[in-house]
Amino acid sequence: MKLIIHATNVHQGGGRTLLVGILSALKQPAIVLLDERLFPLPDLFPEVKVIRFAPSLTARLKAELLLRKLSEPEDIVLSFGNLPPLFRNSGRVLIYLQNRYLSGSRSLKGLPLLVRLRIRMERMWLRYCLRNGKILVQTETMMMEVKKQWGYDAKVIPFLPNDTDEKPPLVQQRQYDYLFVASGEPHKNHLRLLEAWINLAKRGYRPSLCLTLDKNFDAKLLSSIEALISQYDLKIYNQPSASKQISLLYSNSTALIYPSLFESFGLPLLEANRAGLPIIAAELDYVRDVVVPVMTFDPESPLSISRAVMRHNGWEQHIPTPVDAERFLQLLVEQD
């Protein structure tokens, strides 16, 4: 019996972090099919064989054919990139489903056309190629979503990579009031977070905020942010960091803020919790699947986000006191 890990479409984000954690923990013979962009790799067990593939349709098809050829009835095949093998497989297939665009019938509005087409194709792939495979998910919310959408009983097996990174130095004066570790996809909800920061600025509050957007993939969003920084004098910074540098950002921040509309796991929530940061997050199931936030908000309301930040900082919030009917009538007369 051997373990075969199929992960030819994983090379960045939370999936990369989890995959590298698995590779670090492997202490048995295994064959690993990887995206050629996944670098660097950890030190691997001597009997782990890595086969890399280019991020092209032709190369991915070759990987699927090789996967079918390598698999034997006693083998465990872990499909780590959300999708089952394209061809029938003689091994015991386990699919680690991490993409909530695939687990449910979530709207694709706001996503680029090519991304929408890819997700629709992957939904069909999941539906017609699952066969006897078993779905593994990270949270109870994901399990219920898979059951409702696909009718399958998924197994909940969350995990975090071992905390083997070198501990960052202690920071006496933290540079950022808030940190949001996320890429720039629409569901991460950066635009409403920015509206909340503008709302705070109009009230005279300017907490610092650190983002982790990619200068290439998120160039349009970064351009919009720069314009808002200039217009409203916001203290917003961007630190696109490799995963090994993220721990330094946590140690240099006072709190994590997390307005994402949905997540399969919310890895930054767990990382921040492990780093001892207070978490201000959306009042949504995926958050409470993994952590207990100190403050929550409605992620669809910039006002709610800004109020949560004000509560967290103990800043005064003016709430008008209702007047009686007599005073109301007096005020009507006084209106210009």
C-alpha atoms as a PDB file:
ATOM      1  CA  MET A   1       0.000   0.000   0.000  1.00  0.00           C
ATOM      2  CA  LYS A   2       1.299   3.417  -0.914  1.00  0.00           C
ATOM      3  CA  LEU A   3       0.031   6.978  -0.548  1.00  0.00           C
ATOM      4  CA  ILE A   4      -0.449   9.051  -3.693  1.00  0.00           C
ATOM      5  CA  ILE A   5      -1.083  12.780  -3.264  1.00  0.00           C
ATOM      6  CA  HIS A   6      -2.540  14.528  -6.294  1.00  0.00           C
ATOM      7  CA  ALA A   7      -2.114  18.304  -5.956  1.00  0.00           C
ATOM      8  CA  THR A   8      -1.214  19.629  -9.391  1.00  0.00           C
ATOM      9  CA  ASN A   9      -3.421  22.717  -9.020  1.00  0.00           C
ATOM     10  CA  VAL A  10      -2.154  23.887  -5.600  1.00  0.00           C
ATOM     11  CA  HIS A  11       0.635  26.466  -5.404  1.00  0.00           C
ATOM     12  CA  GLN A  12      -0.511  29.457  -3.319  1.00  0.00           C
ATOM     13  CA  GLY A  13      -2.736  30.627  -0.463  1.00  0.00           C
ATOM     14  CA  GLY A  14      -4.094  28.476   2.334  1.00  0.00           C
ATOM     15  CA  GLY A  15      -4.008  25.339   0.171  1.00  0.00           C
ATOM     16  CA  ARG A  16      -0.276  25.754  -0.290  1.00  0.00           C
ATOM     17  CA  THR A  17       0.269  26.199   3.456  1.00  0.00           C
ATOM     18  CA  LEU A  18      -1.659  23.026   4.270  1.00  0.00           C
ATOM     19  CA  LEU A  19      -0.033  21.002   1.486  1.00  0.00           C
ATOM     20  CA  VAL A  20       3.478  21.979   2.568  1.00  0.00           C
ATOM     21  CA  GLY A  21       2.498  20.981   6.103  1.00  0.00           C
ATOM     22  CA  ILE A  22       1.482  17.528   4.875  1.00  0.00           C
ATOM     23  CA  LEU A  23       4.715  17.122   2.890  1.00  0.00           C
ATOM     24  CA  SER A  24       6.735  18.079   5.969  1.00  0.00           C
ATOM     25  CA  ALA A  25       4.900  15.478   8.065  1.00  0.00           C
ATOM     26  CA  LEU A  26       5.223  12.600   5.550  1.00  0.00           C
ATOM     27  CA  LYS A  27       7.254   9.751   7.039  1.00  0.00           C
ATOM     28  CA  GLN A  28       6.246   6.959   4.675  1.00  0.00           C
ATOM     29  CA  PRO A  29       6.690   6.006   1.021  1.00  0.00           C
ATOM     30  CA  ALA A  30       4.577   8.241  -1.179  1.00  0.00           C
ATOM     31  CA  ILE A  31       4.223   9.605  -4.681  1.00  0.00           C
ATOM     32  CA  VAL A  32       3.333  13.287  -4.899  1.00  0.00           C
ATOM     33  CA  LEU A  33       2.094  14.967  -8.082  1.00  0.00           C
ATOM     34  CA  LEU A  34       2.749  18.704  -7.775  1.00  0.00           C
ATOM     35  CA  ASP A  35       2.403  21.996  -9.621  1.00  0.00           C
ATOM     36  CA  GLU A  36       5.854  23.066 -10.843  1.00  0.00           C
ATOM     37  CA  ARG A  37       5.233  26.530  -9.304  1.00  0.00           C
ATOM     38  CA  LEU A  38       5.136  25.125  -5.762  1.00  0.00           C
ATOM     39  CA  PHE A  39       8.477  26.228  -4.306  1.00  0.00           C
ATOM     40  CA  PRO A  40      10.264  25.921  -2.008  1.00  0.00           C
ATOM     41  CA  LEU A  41       9.577  22.402  -0.744  1.00  0.00           C
ATOM     42  CA  PRO A  42      10.391  21.289   2.798  1.00  0.00           C
ATOM     43  CA  ASP A  43      12.940  18.543   3.445  1.00  0.00           C
ATOM     44  CA  LEU A  44      11.214  15.361   2.327  1.00  0.00           C
ATOM     45  CA  PHE A  45      11.338  11.792   3.598  1.00  0.00           C
ATOM     46  CA  PRO A  46      13.777   9.834   1.345  1.00  0.00           C
ATOM     47  CA  GLU A  47      11.044   7.549  -0.023  1.00  0.00           C
ATOM     48  CA  VAL A  48       8.783  10.411  -1.132  1.00  0.00           C
ATOM     49  CA  LYS A  49       8.889  10.765  -4.919  1.00  0.00           C
ATOM     50  CA  VAL A  50       7.853  14.131  -6.376  1.00  0.00           C
ATOM     51  CA  ILE A  51       6.622  14.480  -9.974  1.00  0.00           C
ATOM     52  CA  ARG A  52       5.955  18.017 -11.203  1.00  0.00           C
ATOM     53  CA  PHE A  53       3.604  19.294 -13.892  1.00  0.00           C
ATOM     54  CA  ALA A  54       3.266  22.602 -15.693  1.00  0.00           C
ATOM     55  CA  PRO A  55       0.059  24.639 -15.143  1.00  0.00           C
ATOM     56  CA  SER A  56      -1.386  23.782 -18.555  1.00  0.00           C
ATOM     57  CA  LEU A  57      -4.320  21.688 -19.735  1.00  0.00           C
ATOM     58  CA  THR A  58      -2.017  19.266 -21.543  1.00  0.00           C
ATOM     59  CA  ALA A  59       0.193  18.771 -18.496  1.00  0.00           C
ATOM     60  CA  ARG A  60      -2.783  18.365 -16.172  1.00  0.00           C
ATOM     61  CA  LEU A  61      -4.234  15.710 -18.480  1.00  0.00           C
ATOM     62  CA  LYS A  62      -0.903  13.879 -18.398  1.00  0.00           C
ATOM     63  CA  ALA A  63      -1.024  14.016 -14.597  1.00  0.00           C
ATOM     64  CA  GLU A  64      -4.528  12.511 -14.588  1.00  0.00           C
ATOM     65  CA  LEU A  65      -3.415   9.689 -16.875  1.00  0.00           C
ATOM     66  CA  LEU A  66      -0.335   9.018 -14.746  1.00  0.00           C
ATOM     67  CA  LEU A  67      -2.474   8.998 -11.605  1.00  0.00           C
ATOM     68  CA  ARG A  68      -4.649   6.256 -13.095  1.00  0.00           C
ATOM     69  CA  LYS A  69      -1.575   4.266 -14.137  1.00  0.00           C
ATOM     70  CA  LEU A  70       0.158   4.519 -10.733  1.00  0.00           C
ATOM     71  CA  SER A  71      -2.840   3.590  -8.583  1.00  0.00           C
ATOM     72  CA  GLU A  72      -3.384   0.063  -7.331  1.00  0.00           C
ATOM     73  CA  PRO A  73      -6.344  -1.345  -5.340  1.00  0.00           C
ATOM     74  CA  GLU A  74      -4.641  -1.062  -1.934  1.00  0.00           C
ATOM     75  CA  ASP A  75      -3.384   2.478  -2.447  1.00  0.00           C
ATOM     76  CA  ILE A  76      -4.746   5.631  -0.819  1.00  0.00           C
ATOM     77  CA  VAL A  77      -5.196   8.447  -3.318  1.00  0.00           C
ATOM     78  CA  LEU A  78      -5.515  11.870  -1.701  1.00  0.00           C
ATOM     79  CA  SER A  79      -6.864  14.428  -4.169  1.00  0.00           C
ATOM     80  CA  PHE A  80      -5.799  17.603  -2.388  1.00  0.00           C
ATOM     81  CA  GLY A  81      -6.973  20.114  -4.991  1.00  0.00           C
ATOM     82  CA  ASN A  82     -10.754  19.869  -4.437  1.00  0.00           C
ATOM     83  CA  LEU A  83     -11.429  17.621  -7.429  1.00  0.00           C
ATOM     84  CA  PRO A  84     -11.622  13.827  -7.754  1.00  0.00           C
ATOM     85  CA  PRO A  85      -9.524  11.986 -10.357  1.00  0.00           C
ATOM     86  CA  LEU A  86     -10.795  12.642 -13.860  1.00  0.00           C
ATOM     87  CA  PHE A  87     -10.553   8.940 -14.805  1.00  0.00           C
ATOM     88  CA  ARG A  88     -11.672   5.888 -12.876  1.00  0.00           C
ATOM     89  CA  ASN A  89      -9.131   5.010 -10.232  1.00  0.00           C
ATOM     90  CA  SER A  90      -8.501   1.624  -8.642  1.00  0.00           C
ATOM     91  CA  GLY A  91      -7.232   3.123  -5.380  1.00  0.00           C
ATOM     92  CA  ARG A  92      -9.195   4.345  -2.357  1.00  0.00           C
ATOM     93  CA  VAL A  93      -9.900   7.960  -3.327  1.00  0.00           C
ATOM     94  CA  LEU A  94     -10.217  10.742  -0.738  1.00  0.00           C
ATOM     95  CA  ILE A  95     -11.001  14.286  -1.890  1.00  0.00           C
ATOM     96  CA  TYR A  96     -10.012  17.123   0.430  1.00  0.00           C
ATOM     97  CA  LEU A  97     -12.572  19.770  -0.538  1.00  0.00           C
ATOM     98  CA  GLN A  98     -11.437  23.270   0.437  1.00  0.00           C
ATOM     99  CA  ASN A  99     -13.229  25.516  -2.065  1.00  0.00           C
ATOM    100  CA  ARG A 100     -16.645  26.775  -0.972  1.00  0.00           C
ATOM    101  CA  TYR A 101     -17.468  27.799  -4.522  1.00  0.00           C
ATOM    102  CA  LEU A 102     -17.572  24.037  -5.150  1.00  0.00           C
ATOM    103  CA  SER A 103     -19.223  22.808  -1.975  1.00  0.00           C
ATOM    104  CA  GLY A 104     -22.415  24.829  -2.561  1.00  0.00           C
ATOM    105  CA  SER A 105     -24.344  26.732  -5.229  1.00  0.00           C
ATOM    106  CA  ARG A 106     -22.759  30.047  -4.287  1.00  0.00           C
ATOM    107  CA  SER A 107     -23.140  33.013  -6.644  1.00  0.00           C
ATOM    108  CA  LEU A 108     -20.201  33.712  -8.943  1.00  0.00           C
ATOM    109  CA  LYS A 109     -21.132  37.372  -9.371  1.00  0.00           C
ATOM    110  CA  GLY A 110     -18.139  39.689  -9.358  1.00  0.00           C
ATOM    111  CA  LEU A 111     -15.623  37.062 -10.411  1.00  0.00           C
ATOM    112  CA  PRO A 112     -13.721  37.419 -13.714  1.00  0.00           C
ATOM    113  CA  LEU A 113     -15.280  35.606 -16.671  1.00  0.00           C
ATOM    114  CA  LEU A 114     -12.522  32.987 -16.936  1.00  0.00           C
ATOM    115  CA  VAL A 115     -12.767  32.244 -13.215  1.00  0.00           C
ATOM    116  CA  ARG A 116     -16.546  31.798 -13.481  1.00  0.00           C
ATOM    117  CA  LEU A 117     -16.103  29.398 -16.391  1.00  0.00           C
ATOM    118  CA  ARG A 118     -13.462  27.432 -14.493  1.00  0.00           C
ATOM    119  CA  ILE A 119     -15.635  27.073 -11.395  1.00  0.00           C
ATOM    120  CA  ARG A 120     -18.640  25.926 -13.447  1.00  0.00           C
ATOM    121  CA  MET A 121     -16.443  23.332 -15.124  1.00  0.00           C
ATOM    122  CA  GLU A 122     -15.076  22.179 -11.757  1.00  0.00           C
ATOM    123  CA  ARG A 123     -18.595  21.832 -10.364  1.00  0.00           C
ATOM    124  CA  MET A 124     -19.434  19.504 -13.238  1.00  0.00           C
ATOM    125  CA  TRP A 125     -16.153  17.654 -12.678  1.00  0.00           C
ATOM    126  CA  LEU A 126     -17.001  17.134  -9.014  1.00  0.00           C
ATOM    127  CA  ARG A 127     -20.528  15.976  -9.790  1.00  0.00           C
ATOM    128  CA  TYR A 128     -19.689  13.445 -12.492  1.00  0.00           C
ATOM    129  CA  CYS A 129     -16.256  12.166 -11.426  1.00  0.00           C
ATOM    130  CA  LEU A 130     -16.692  11.616  -7.682  1.00  0.00           C
ATOM    131  CA  ARG A 131     -17.840   7.997  -8.198  1.00  0.00           C
ATOM    132  CA  ASN A 132     -16.863   6.050  -5.033  1.00  0.00           C
ATOM    133  CA  GLY A 133     -14.589   8.745  -3.673  1.00  0.00           C
ATOM    134  CA  LYS A 134     -15.005  10.074  -0.135  1.00  0.00           C
ATOM    135  CA  ILE A 135     -15.121  13.808   0.565  1.00  0.00           C
ATOM    136  CA  LEU A 136     -13.120  15.260   3.454  1.00  0.00           C
ATOM    137  CA  VAL A 137     -13.786  18.815   4.673  1.00  0.00           C
ATOM    138  CA  GLN A 138     -12.413  21.124   7.328  1.00  0.00           C
ATOM    139  CA  THR A 139     -15.517  22.302   9.210  1.00  0.00           C
ATOM    140  CA  GLU A 140     -19.020  21.316  10.226  1.00  0.00           C
ATOM    141  CA  THR A 141     -20.402  24.137   8.082  1.00  0.00           C
ATOM    142  CA  MET A 142     -18.681  22.687   5.013  1.00  0.00           C
ATOM    143  CA  MET A 143     -20.013  19.215   5.874  1.00  0.00           C
ATOM    144  CA  MET A 144     -23.597  20.464   6.001  1.00  0.00           C
ATOM    145  CA  GLU A 145     -23.149  22.430   2.789  1.00  0.00           C
ATOM    146  CA  VAL A 146     -21.827  19.367   0.913  1.00  0.00           C
ATOM    147  CA  LYS A 147     -24.736  17.289   2.191  1.00  0.00           C
ATOM    148  CA  LYS A 148     -27.275  19.885   1.074  1.00  0.00           C
ATOM    149  CA  GLN A 149     -25.719  20.570  -2.342  1.00  0.00           C
ATOM    150  CA  TRP A 150     -24.412  17.165  -3.378  1.00  0.00           C
ATOM    151  CA  GLY A 151     -26.157  14.691  -1.095  1.00  0.00           C
ATOM    152  CA  TYR A 152     -22.854  13.221   0.143  1.00  0.00           C
ATOM    153  CA  ASP A 153     -21.826  12.581   3.738  1.00  0.00           C
ATOM    154  CA  ALA A 154     -18.488  14.337   4.096  1.00  0.00           C
ATOM    155  CA  LYS A 155     -16.031  13.596   6.900  1.00  0.00           C
ATOM    156  CA  VAL A 156     -14.772  16.550   8.959  1.00  0.00           C
ATOM    157  CA  ILE A 157     -10.975  16.383   9.436  1.00  0.00           C
ATOM    158  CA  PRO A 158      -9.505  19.842  10.099  1.00  0.00           C
ATOM    159  CA  PHE A 159      -5.760  20.150  10.530  1.00  0.00           C
ATOM    160  CA  LEU A 160      -3.056  22.762  10.931  1.00  0.00           C
ATOM    161  CA  PRO A 161       0.583  22.343   9.918  1.00  0.00           C
ATOM    162  CA  ASN A 162       2.968  21.898  12.812  1.00  0.00           C
ATOM    163  CA  ASP A 163       4.214  25.231  14.112  1.00  0.00           C
ATOM    164  CA  THR A 164       7.836  24.672  13.141  1.00  0.00           C
ATOM    165  CA  ASP A 165       8.666  28.169  11.918  1.00  0.00           C
ATOM    166  CA  GLU A 166      11.349  30.077  13.745  1.00  0.00           C
ATOM    167  CA  LYS A 167       9.660  32.322  16.268  1.00  0.00           C
ATOM    168  CA  PRO A 168       9.708  35.980  15.213  1.00  0.00           C
ATOM    169  CA  PRO A 169      11.378  38.437  17.563  1.00  0.00           C
ATOM    170  CA  LEU A 170       9.200  40.096  20.165  1.00  0.00           C
ATOM    171  CA  VAL A 171       8.039  43.513  19.036  1.00  0.00           C
ATOM    172  CA  GLN A 172       7.850  46.219  21.670  1.00  0.00           C
ATOM    173  CA  GLN A 173       5.775  48.642  19.585  1.00  0.00           C
ATOM    174  CA  ARG A 174       3.507  46.920  17.088  1.00  0.00           C
ATOM    175  CA  GLN A 175       3.413  48.648  13.737  1.00  0.00           C
ATOM    176  CA  TYR A 176      -0.163  47.821  12.699  1.00  0.00           C
ATOM    177  CA  ASP A 177      -3.383  48.162  14.661  1.00  0.00           C
ATOM    178  CA  TYR A 178      -5.172  45.645  12.422  1.00  0.00           C
ATOM    179  CA  LEU A 179      -4.075  42.935  10.031  1.00  0.00           C
ATOM    180  CA  PHE A 180      -6.135  41.308   7.276  1.00  0.00           C
ATOM    181  CA  VAL A 181      -4.399  38.286   5.726  1.00  0.00           C
ATOM    182  CA  ALA A 182      -6.197  37.611   2.451  1.00  0.00           C
ATOM    183  CA  SER A 183      -5.910  37.640  -1.310  1.00  0.00           C
ATOM    184  CA  GLY A 184      -8.056  39.982  -3.374  1.00  0.00           C
ATOM    185  CA  GLU A 185     -11.007  37.801  -4.466  1.00  0.00           C
ATOM    186  CA  PRO A 186     -14.410  39.531  -4.176  1.00  0.00           C
ATOM    187  CA  HIS A 187     -15.633  37.293  -1.320  1.00  0.00           C
ATOM    188  CA  LYS A 188     -12.733  38.464   0.857  1.00  0.00           C
ATOM    189  CA  ASN A 189     -14.724  41.705   1.134  1.00  0.00           C
ATOM    190  CA  HIS A 190     -11.936  44.273   0.915  1.00  0.00           C
ATOM    191  CA  LEU A 191     -14.215  46.960  -0.530  1.00  0.00           C
ATOM    192  CA  ARG A 192     -16.564  46.981   2.467  1.00  0.00           C
ATOM    193  CA  LEU A 193     -13.563  46.953   4.804  1.00  0.00           C
ATOM    194  CA  LEU A 194     -12.240  50.034   3.015  1.00  0.00           C
ATOM    195  CA  GLU A 195     -15.640  51.721   3.338  1.00  0.00           C
ATOM    196  CA  ALA A 196     -15.490  51.018   7.067  1.00  0.00           C
ATOM    197  CA  TRP A 197     -12.039  52.639   7.278  1.00  0.00           C
ATOM    198  CA  ILE A 198     -13.376  55.698   5.425  1.00  0.00           C
ATOM    199  CA  ASN A 199     -16.292  55.853   7.877  1.00  0.00           C
ATOM    200  CA  LEU A 200     -13.821  55.778  10.773  1.00  0.00           C
ATOM    201  CA  ALA A 201     -11.734  58.539   9.176  1.00  0.00           C
ATOM    202  CA  LYS A 202     -14.819  60.751   8.839  1.00  0.00           C
ATOM    203  CA  ARG A 203     -15.332  60.318  12.586  1.00  0.00           C
ATOM    204  CA  GLY A 204     -11.730  61.328  13.238  1.00  0.00           C
ATOM    205  CA  TYR A 205     -10.332  57.822  13.834  1.00  0.00           C
ATOM    206  CA  ARG A 206      -7.495  56.477  11.704  1.00  0.00           C
ATOM    207  CA  PRO A 207      -6.339  53.052  12.912  1.00  0.00           C
ATOM    208  CA  SER A 208      -3.569  51.493  10.849  1.00  0.00           C
ATOM    209  CA  LEU A 209      -4.438  48.479   8.706  1.00  0.00           C
ATOM    210  CA  CYS A 210      -2.074  46.026   7.026  1.00  0.00           C
ATOM    211  CA  LEU A 211      -3.210  44.053   3.965  1.00  0.00           C
ATOM    212  CA  THR A 212      -1.418  41.205   2.163  1.00  0.00           C
ATOM    213  CA  LEU A 213      -2.467  41.729  -1.454  1.00  0.00           C
ATOM    214  CA  ASP A 214      -0.402  40.540  -4.401  1.00  0.00           C
ATOM    215  CA  LYS A 215       0.949  43.357  -6.562  1.00  0.00           C
ATOM    216  CA  ASN A 216       0.317  41.386  -9.747  1.00  0.00           C
ATOM    217  CA  PHE A 217      -2.959  39.540  -9.134  1.00  0.00           C
ATOM    218  CA  ASP A 218      -4.574  42.375  -7.140  1.00  0.00           C
ATOM    219  CA  ALA A 219      -3.201  45.383  -9.024  1.00  0.00           C
ATOM    220  CA  LYS A 220      -6.634  46.916  -9.751  1.00  0.00           C
ATOM    221  CA  LEU A 221      -7.726  46.672  -6.098  1.00  0.00           C
ATOM    222  CA  LEU A 222      -4.401  48.112  -4.913  1.00  0.00           C
ATOM    223  CA  SER A 223      -4.815  51.051  -7.287  1.00  0.00           C
ATOM    224  CA  SER A 224      -8.250  51.809  -5.810  1.00  0.00           C
ATOM    225  CA  ILE A 225      -6.839  51.566  -2.291  1.00  0.00           C
ATOM    226  CA  GLU A 226      -4.026  54.014  -3.082  1.00  0.00           C
ATOM    227  CA  ALA A 227      -6.568  56.551  -4.343  1.00  0.00           C
ATOM    228  CA  LEU A 228      -8.633  56.218  -1.161  1.00  0.00           C
ATOM    229  CA  ILE A 229      -5.543  56.534   1.039  1.00  0.00           C
ATOM    230  CA  SER A 230      -4.737  59.820  -0.646  1.00  0.00           C
ATOM    231  CA  GLN A 231      -8.320  61.116  -0.545  1.00  0.00           C
ATOM    232  CA  TYR A 232      -9.081  60.294   3.095  1.00  0.00           C
ATOM    233  CA  ASP A 233      -5.573  60.192   4.611  1.00  0.00           C
ATOM    234  CA  LEU A 234      -5.977  56.536   5.600  1.00  0.00           C
ATOM    235  CA  LYS A 235      -3.259  54.545   7.339  1.00  0.00           C
ATOM    236  CA  ILE A 236      -3.466  51.480   5.128  1.00  0.00           C
ATOM    237  CA  TYR A 237      -0.362  49.510   4.173  1.00  0.00           C
ATOM    238  CA  ASN A 238       0.272  46.467   2.020  1.00  0.00           C
ATOM    239  CA  GLN A 239       2.799  43.753   2.792  1.00  0.00           C
ATOM    240  CA  PRO A 240       2.630  40.930   0.230  1.00  0.00           C
ATOM    241  CA  SER A 241       4.383  38.240   2.244  1.00  0.00           C
ATOM    242  CA  ALA A 242       5.471  34.695   1.632  1.00  0.00           C
ATOM    243  CA  SER A 243       3.940  32.211   4.052  1.00  0.00           C
ATOM    244  CA  LYS A 244       7.187  31.975   6.042  1.00  0.00           C
ATOM    245  CA  GLN A 245       6.970  35.737   6.728  1.00  0.00           C
ATOM    246  CA  ILE A 246       3.353  35.789   7.839  1.00  0.00           C
ATOM    247  CA  SER A 247       4.291  35.001  11.446  1.00  0.00           C
ATOM    248  CA  LEU A 248       6.277  38.244  11.549  1.00  0.00           C
ATOM    249  CA  LEU A 249       3.177  40.178  10.434  1.00  0.00           C
ATOM    250  CA  TYR A 250       1.148  38.597  13.234  1.00  0.00           C
ATOM    251  CA  SER A 251       3.775  39.551  15.799  1.00  0.00           C
ATOM    252  CA  ASN A 252       3.813  43.106  14.429  1.00  0.00           C
ATOM    253  CA  SER A 253       0.015  43.600  14.612  1.00  0.00           C
ATOM    254  CA  THR A 254      -2.329  44.294  17.497  1.00  0.00           C
ATOM    255  CA  ALA A 255      -5.388  42.424  16.191  1.00  0.00           C
ATOM    256  CA  LEU A 256      -6.717  40.468  13.210  1.00  0.00           C
ATOM    257  CA  ILE A 257      -9.775  41.777  11.391  1.00  0.00           C
ATOM    258  CA  TYR A 258     -11.559  39.305   9.116  1.00  0.00           C
ATOM    259  CA  PRO A 259     -14.539  40.511   7.022  1.00  0.00           C
ATOM    260  CA  SER A 260     -14.578  37.643   4.474  1.00  0.00           C
ATOM    261  CA  LEU A 261     -18.067  36.583   3.390  1.00  0.00           C
ATOM    262  CA  PHE A 262     -17.235  32.875   3.399  1.00  0.00           C
ATOM    263  CA  GLU A 263     -14.289  30.530   3.897  1.00  0.00           C
ATOM    264  CA  SER A 264     -13.762  26.802   3.800  1.00  0.00           C
ATOM    265  CA  PHE A 265     -11.454  26.963   6.808  1.00  0.00           C
ATOM    266  CA  GLY A 266     -10.225  30.508   7.465  1.00  0.00           C
ATOM    267  CA  LEU A 267      -6.602  29.560   8.063  1.00  0.00           C
ATOM    268  CA  PRO A 268      -5.555  33.118   9.095  1.00  0.00           C
ATOM    269  CA  LEU A 269      -8.110  32.929  11.919  1.00  0.00           C
ATOM    270  CA  LEU A 270      -6.311  29.891  13.320  1.00  0.00           C
ATOM    271  CA  GLU A 271      -2.875  31.386  12.717  1.00  0.00           C
ATOM    272  CA  ALA A 272      -3.843  34.602  14.504  1.00  0.00           C
ATOM    273  CA  ASN A 273      -5.361  32.632  17.357  1.00  0.00           C
ATOM    274  CA  ARG A 274      -2.143  30.623  17.692  1.00  0.00           C
ATOM    275  CA  ALA A 275      -0.189  33.902  17.698  1.00  0.00           C
ATOM    276  CA  GLY A 276      -2.361  35.203  20.543  1.00  0.00           C
ATOM    277  CA  LEU A 277      -4.030  38.017  18.597  1.00  0.00           C
ATOM    278  CA  PRO A 278      -7.568  39.153  19.399  1.00  0.00           C
ATOM    279  CA  ILE A 279      -9.862  38.514  16.440  1.00  0.00           C
ATOM    280  CA  ILE A 280     -12.558  40.877  15.163  1.00  0.00           C
ATOM    281  CA  ALA A 281     -14.509  38.980  12.527  1.00  0.00           C
ATOM    282  CA  ALA A 282     -17.733  38.491  10.625  1.00  0.00           C
ATOM    283  CA  GLU A 283     -20.579  36.951  12.633  1.00  0.00           C
ATOM    284  CA  LEU A 284     -20.725  33.940  10.358  1.00  0.00           C
ATOM    285  CA  ASP A 285     -20.600  30.197  10.883  1.00  0.00           C
ATOM    286  CA  TYR A 286     -17.200  29.654   9.288  1.00  0.00           C
ATOM    287  CA  VAL A 287     -15.619  31.923  11.922  1.00  0.00           C
ATOM    288  CA  ARG A 288     -17.110  30.158  14.921  1.00  0.00           C
ATOM    289  CA  ASP A 289     -16.285  26.799  13.358  1.00  0.00           C
ATOM    290  CA  VAL A 290     -12.648  27.464  14.268  1.00  0.00           C
ATOM    291  CA  VAL A 291     -12.262  30.365  16.768  1.00  0.00           C
ATOM    292  CA  VAL A 292     -14.136  32.516  19.278  1.00  0.00           C
ATOM    293  CA  PRO A 293     -13.776  36.160  18.169  1.00  0.00           C
ATOM    294  CA  VAL A 294     -13.606  38.967  20.721  1.00  0.00           C
ATOM    295  CA  MET A 295     -15.847  41.154  18.556  1.00  0.00           C
ATOM    296  CA  THR A 296     -18.115  40.482  15.578  1.00  0.00           C
ATOM    297  CA  PHE A 297     -19.935  42.455  12.904  1.00  0.00           C
ATOM    298  CA  ASP A 298     -22.238  42.152   9.902  1.00  0.00           C
ATOM    299  CA  PRO A 299     -19.762  41.709   7.018  1.00  0.00           C
ATOM    300  CA  GLU A 300     -22.220  43.203   4.516  1.00  0.00           C
ATOM    301  CA  SER A 301     -22.360  46.487   6.453  1.00  0.00           C
ATOM    302  CA  PRO A 302     -19.345  48.845   6.455  1.00  0.00           C
ATOM    303  CA  LEU A 303     -21.033  50.717   9.318  1.00  0.00           C
ATOM    304  CA  SER A 304     -21.211  47.522  11.376  1.00  0.00           C
ATOM    305  CA  ILE A 305     -17.512  46.840  10.684  1.00  0.00           C
ATOM    306  CA  SER A 306     -16.512  50.355  11.732  1.00  0.00           C
ATOM    307  CA  ARG A 307     -18.629  50.150  14.888  1.00  0.00           C
ATOM    308  CA  ALA A 308     -16.948  46.875  15.844  1.00  0.00           C
ATOM    309  CA  VAL A 309     -13.541  48.542  15.490  1.00  0.00           C
ATOM    310  CA  MET A 310     -14.752  51.440  17.640  1.00  0.00           C
ATOM    311  CA  ARG A 311     -16.035  49.072  20.329  1.00  0.00           C
ATOM    312  CA  HIS A 312     -12.792  47.142  20.288  1.00  0.00           C
ATOM    313  CA  ASN A 313     -10.817  50.334  20.843  1.00  0.00           C
ATOM    314  CA  GLY A 314     -13.222  51.801  23.394  1.00  0.00           C
ATOM    315  CA  TRP A 315     -13.914  54.783  21.179  1.00  0.00           C
ATOM    316  CA  GLU A 316     -17.051  56.779  21.906  1.00  0.00           C
ATOM    317  CA  GLN A 317     -20.038  56.154  19.677  1.00  0.00           C
ATOM    318  CA  HIS A 318     -22.696  58.846  19.679  1.00  0.00           C
ATOM    319  CA  ILE A 319     -26.172  57.333  19.832  1.00  0.00           C
ATOM    320  CA  PRO A 320     -28.984  59.928  19.577  1.00  0.00           C
ATOM    321  CA  THR A 321     -31.419  59.835  22.480  1.00  0.00           C
ATOM    322  CA  PRO A 322     -35.083  59.702  21.418  1.00  0.00           C
ATOM    323  CA  VAL A 323     -37.104  62.784  22.381  1.00  0.00           C
ATOM    324  CA  ASP A 324     -40.730  62.789  23.470  1.00  0.00           C
ATOM    325  CA  ALA A 325     -43.558  63.735  21.117  1.00  0.00           C
ATOM    326  CA  GLU A 326     -43.811  67.289  22.473  1.00  0.00           C
ATOM    327  CA  ARG A 327     -40.110  67.966  21.880  1.00  0.00           C
ATOM    328  CA  PHE A 328     -40.392  66.399  18.431  1.00  0.00           C
ATOM    329  CA  LEU A 329     -43.100  68.907  17.480  1.00  0.00           C
ATOM    330  CA  GLN A 330     -40.944  71.758  18.794  1.00  0.00           C
ATOM    331  CA  LEU A 331     -38.044  70.570  16.675  1.00  0.00           C
ATOM    332  CA  LEU A 332     -40.269  70.518  13.590  1.00  0.00           C
ATOM    333  CA  VAL A 333     -40.988  74.225  14.043  1.00  0.00           C
ATOM    334  CA  GLU A 334     -37.283  74.996  14.446  1.00  0.00           C
ATOM    335  CA  GLN A 335     -36.333  73.368  11.124  1.00  0.00           C
ATOM    336  CA  ASP A 336     -35.232  75.758   8.384  1.00  0.00           C
END
